[in-house]
Protein backbone atom coordinates (compact mmCIF):
# COMPACT_ATOMS: atom_id res chain seq x y z
CA MET A 1 -9.81 -10.54 33.43
CA ASN A 2 -8.29 -10.04 29.42
CA THR A 3 -11.32 -10.84 27.45
CA GLU A 4 -9.90 -9.50 23.97
CA LYS A 5 -10.21 -11.35 21.04
CA LYS A 6 -7.19 -12.13 18.84
CA ARG A 7 -6.68 -13.81 15.24
CA ARG A 8 -3.72 -14.35 13.62
CA LYS A 9 -3.21 -12.92 10.40
CA ALA A 10 -0.34 -12.96 7.97
CA VAL A 11 2.06 -9.82 7.61
CA VAL A 12 4.54 -8.98 5.15
CA ASP A 13 7.87 -6.95 5.31
CA SER A 14 7.13 -5.22 1.83
CA SER A 15 10.86 -3.82 2.15
CA ALA A 16 11.90 -6.74 1.34
CA CYS A 17 9.54 -8.37 -0.56
CA VAL A 18 10.23 -9.60 -3.94
CA ALA A 19 7.26 -10.03 -5.42
CA CYS A 20 7.08 -13.74 -6.67
CA GLY A 21 3.62 -14.48 -6.25
CA CYS A 22 4.45 -17.93 -4.03
CA CYS A 23 2.07 -16.86 -1.11
CA VAL A 24 -0.68 -15.76 -3.70
CA LYS A 25 -0.81 -19.14 -5.05
CA VAL A 26 -0.62 -21.35 -1.78
CA CYS A 27 -3.56 -18.93 -0.14
CA PRO A 28 -6.55 -21.19 0.04
CA LEU A 29 -8.82 -17.79 0.66
CA GLN A 30 -7.42 -15.62 -1.88
CA ALA A 31 -6.07 -13.19 1.01
CA ILE A 32 -2.88 -11.72 -0.84
CA GLU A 33 -2.23 -10.24 -3.86
CA VAL A 34 0.88 -8.56 -5.39
CA ILE A 35 0.66 -5.02 -6.41
CA ARG A 36 2.19 -3.33 -9.30
CA GLY A 37 4.64 -6.31 -9.80
CA VAL A 38 6.77 -4.92 -6.14
CA THR A 39 5.15 -6.66 -3.20
CA ALA A 40 2.70 -8.67 -1.48
CA ARG A 41 -0.36 -7.30 0.38
CA VAL A 42 -2.44 -9.20 2.64
CA ASN A 43 -5.97 -8.58 2.66
CA GLU A 44 -7.07 -8.61 6.35
CA ASN A 45 -10.65 -9.20 6.17
CA ARG A 46 -9.77 -12.41 4.39
CA CYS A 47 -6.96 -13.75 5.84
CA VAL A 48 -6.81 -16.63 8.66
CA GLY A 49 -3.55 -16.66 9.53
CA CYS A 50 -3.21 -20.55 8.39
CA GLY A 51 0.77 -19.96 7.94
CA ARG A 52 0.78 -21.48 3.94
CA CYS A 53 2.06 -18.10 2.71
CA ALA A 54 4.95 -17.86 5.34
CA ARG A 55 6.32 -21.52 5.00
CA GLU A 56 6.20 -21.07 1.12
CA CYS A 57 8.17 -17.68 0.74
CA PRO A 58 11.40 -18.17 -0.52
CA ALA A 59 12.46 -14.55 0.90
CA SER A 60 10.72 -15.47 4.38
CA VAL A 61 9.48 -11.92 4.49
CA ILE A 62 6.00 -12.97 6.06
CA GLU A 63 4.90 -13.84 9.23
CA ILE A 64 2.13 -14.76 11.37
CA ARG A 65 1.15 -12.61 13.80
CA GLU A 66 -1.23 -12.34 16.75
CA VAL A 67 -3.58 -9.09 15.90
CA GLN A 68 -6.65 -7.73 17.70
CA ALA A 69 -9.85 -8.96 16.81
C-alpha cells in the first residue's frame, strides 16, 4: 500500500515568467515573490496549492503540481 503523502504546490516556469507580479497580489499566504524584477519564485513552505496564482497568471506559466510532502 502506498502511504506517501502528497501536497499541491505552485511551480513557476522561470524561463517564461514576465515578472508582472499578478501572482504576488493574489496569493493569500504571501508564498510568491518576484526576484530582481525577472521571475517569480514560490516559497514551498508557505504554498498550499490553492491555484489562485495559476488562474491569474497572464502568461500561463504557473501550474499546480502534486509533490511529496
